[in-house]
Amino acid sequence: MKQEKITRFYKPEEADQKWYVVDATDQVLGRLAANIAKVIRGKNKALYTPNMDAGDFVVVINADKVVMTGKREIQKTYFHHSTYPGGVKIRSYAEMMEKKPEFIIETAVKGMLPKTKLGRKLIKKLKVYTGVEHPHLAQQPEPLSF
């Protein structure tokens, strides 16, 4: 008798969700965002299931010290439209680093997650802070380096 190959689908309760802290000091933005997206999605685990939230929480500190390669610091822009006529706002990377450095990392990671209900749920597992201090010490986050 031949044994059938069965794919095991895990339930959300079976997923062991941990907390990790990542220091963004002198890390390249795209590579950092790709690695964070893998952890949030759960692709670094053996029980990865595409349609389930099996990922971990990630706390990013020192978001204002992230770097870009090449000419991207000059060329990168962030586009927003208010849906009103003439409501276009285009901000440069340098301008965003001054005003909201957390937004830069959040946007980069969000772009690497699925554009579905699951993706909107997963992006809430990312917490980004500019300094070294963060309010998630009670969760005992483990340091994670890439």
Protein backbone atom coordinates (compact mmCIF):
# COMPACT_ATOMS: atom_id res chain seq x y z
CA MET A 1 0.00 0.00 0.00
CA LYS A 2 1.34 3.39 -1.02
CA GLN A 3 1.47 6.20 1.49
CA GLU A 4 -0.16 9.44 0.34
CA LYS A 5 1.58 12.75 0.63
CA ILE A 6 -0.52 15.06 2.74
CA THR A 7 0.06 18.75 3.17
CA ARG A 8 -0.55 19.77 6.75
CA PHE A 9 -2.34 23.06 7.23
CA TYR A 10 -1.77 24.60 10.63
CA LYS A 11 -4.34 26.53 12.60
CA PRO A 12 -3.59 30.07 13.83
CA GLU A 13 -3.62 28.81 17.44
CA GLU A 14 -0.76 26.41 16.66
CA ALA A 15 1.53 29.20 15.48
CA ASP A 16 4.01 30.25 18.15
CA GLN A 17 4.29 34.03 17.72
CA LYS A 18 7.41 35.64 19.12
CA TRP A 19 8.57 39.24 19.41
CA TYR A 20 11.82 40.39 17.82
CA VAL A 21 13.67 43.69 18.01
CA VAL A 22 15.71 44.89 15.02
CA ASP A 23 18.25 47.72 15.10
CA ALA A 24 18.09 49.64 11.81
CA THR A 25 21.36 51.52 12.36
CA ASP A 26 23.39 51.60 9.10
CA GLN A 27 21.14 48.98 7.43
CA VAL A 28 20.14 49.31 3.78
CA LEU A 29 16.40 50.08 3.59
CA GLY A 30 15.32 47.57 0.94
CA ARG A 31 17.23 44.62 2.35
CA LEU A 32 16.04 45.40 5.86
CA ALA A 33 12.42 45.66 4.70
CA ALA A 34 12.62 42.37 2.78
CA ASN A 35 13.94 40.51 5.80
CA ILE A 36 11.36 42.07 8.13
CA ALA A 37 8.56 41.14 5.69
CA LYS A 38 9.74 37.50 5.73
CA VAL A 39 9.59 37.37 9.53
CA ILE A 40 6.19 39.09 9.71
CA ARG A 41 4.78 36.76 7.05
CA GLY A 42 6.23 33.66 8.77
CA LYS A 43 8.32 32.46 5.83
CA ASN A 44 11.26 31.77 8.13
CA LYS A 45 9.28 29.02 9.89
CA ALA A 46 8.71 25.40 8.91
CA LEU A 47 4.95 25.72 9.41
CA TYR A 48 4.48 28.51 6.84
CA THR A 49 1.04 28.50 5.28
CA PRO A 50 0.30 31.16 2.63
CA ASN A 51 -3.26 31.89 3.73
CA MET A 52 -2.58 32.09 7.48
CA ASP A 53 -0.97 34.54 9.85
CA ALA A 54 1.92 32.50 11.30
CA GLY A 55 4.44 35.32 11.52
CA ASP A 56 6.11 37.08 14.40
CA PHE A 57 5.97 40.64 15.71
CA VAL A 58 8.89 42.92 14.81
CA VAL A 59 9.95 46.06 16.67
CA VAL A 60 12.34 48.29 14.69
CA ILE A 61 14.45 50.79 16.63
CA ASN A 62 16.68 53.61 15.32
CA ALA A 63 14.54 54.05 12.20
CA ASP A 64 16.13 57.44 11.58
CA LYS A 65 19.54 55.81 10.99
CA VAL A 66 18.56 53.63 8.02
CA VAL A 67 20.54 54.25 4.80
CA MET A 68 19.97 54.05 1.05
CA THR A 69 22.48 53.00 -1.60
CA GLY A 70 23.59 54.98 -4.63
CA LYS A 71 21.65 58.08 -5.67
CA ARG A 72 18.41 56.93 -4.07
CA GLU A 73 18.65 59.40 -1.21
CA ILE A 74 18.35 62.18 -3.79
CA GLN A 75 15.98 60.51 -6.28
CA LYS A 76 13.47 58.70 -4.05
CA THR A 77 10.11 60.44 -3.66
CA TYR A 78 6.89 59.68 -1.77
CA PHE A 79 3.63 60.50 -3.57
CA HIS A 80 0.27 61.25 -1.93
CA HIS A 81 -2.94 62.54 -3.46
CA SER A 82 -5.85 63.89 -1.40
CA THR A 83 -8.38 63.07 -4.21
CA TYR A 84 -9.11 66.80 -4.58
CA PRO A 85 -8.03 68.69 -7.69
CA GLY A 86 -4.47 69.88 -7.22
CA GLY A 87 -4.11 67.72 -4.11
CA VAL A 88 -0.82 66.11 -5.06
CA LYS A 89 1.91 66.07 -2.41
CA ILE A 90 5.33 64.81 -3.40
CA ARG A 91 7.95 64.60 -0.67
CA SER A 92 11.58 63.67 -1.05
CA TYR A 93 13.38 60.99 0.97
CA ALA A 94 15.35 63.64 2.90
CA GLU A 95 12.16 65.51 3.76
CA MET A 96 10.49 62.33 5.02
CA MET A 97 13.56 61.44 7.10
CA GLU A 98 13.20 64.79 8.89
CA LYS A 99 9.43 64.60 9.44
CA LYS A 100 8.51 60.89 9.75
CA PRO A 101 11.41 58.39 9.53
CA GLU A 102 9.09 55.61 10.77
CA PHE A 103 6.92 56.04 7.65
CA ILE A 104 9.83 55.14 5.37
CA ILE A 105 10.32 51.68 6.90
CA GLU A 106 6.57 51.05 7.28
CA THR A 107 5.97 51.86 3.60
CA ALA A 108 8.85 49.69 2.41
CA VAL A 109 7.67 46.67 4.43
CA LYS A 110 4.00 47.22 3.50
CA GLY A 111 4.92 47.10 -0.18
CA MET A 112 6.43 43.63 0.32
CA LEU A 113 3.35 42.14 2.00
CA PRO A 114 0.25 40.84 0.19
CA LYS A 115 -2.33 43.43 -0.86
CA THR A 116 -5.22 41.56 0.79
CA LYS A 117 -7.02 41.36 4.14
CA LEU A 118 -4.13 39.22 5.36
CA GLY A 119 -1.60 41.90 4.38
CA ARG A 120 -3.55 44.56 6.27
CA LYS A 121 -3.55 42.30 9.31
CA LEU A 122 0.17 41.53 9.01
CA ILE A 123 1.34 45.16 8.78
CA LYS A 124 -0.05 45.70 12.29
CA LYS A 125 2.67 43.35 13.57
CA LEU A 126 5.32 45.94 12.67
CA LYS A 127 6.21 48.56 15.28
CA VAL A 128 8.73 51.24 14.27
CA TYR A 129 10.44 53.78 16.56
CA THR A 130 13.07 56.46 15.92
CA GLY A 131 15.07 56.08 19.12
CA VAL A 132 16.32 53.15 21.17
CA GLU A 133 13.35 53.26 23.57
CA HIS A 134 10.18 51.29 22.83
CA PRO A 135 7.12 50.36 24.94
CA HIS A 136 7.25 46.61 24.16
CA LEU A 137 9.68 45.49 26.88
CA ALA A 138 6.93 43.47 28.61
CA GLN A 139 6.80 41.14 25.57
CA GLN A 140 10.54 40.36 26.07
CA PRO A 141 11.57 40.78 22.42
CA GLU A 142 14.62 38.83 21.26
CA PRO A 143 17.29 40.67 19.22
CA LEU A 144 17.23 39.75 15.54
CA SER A 145 20.04 40.59 13.13
CA PHE A 146 20.20 40.16 9.37
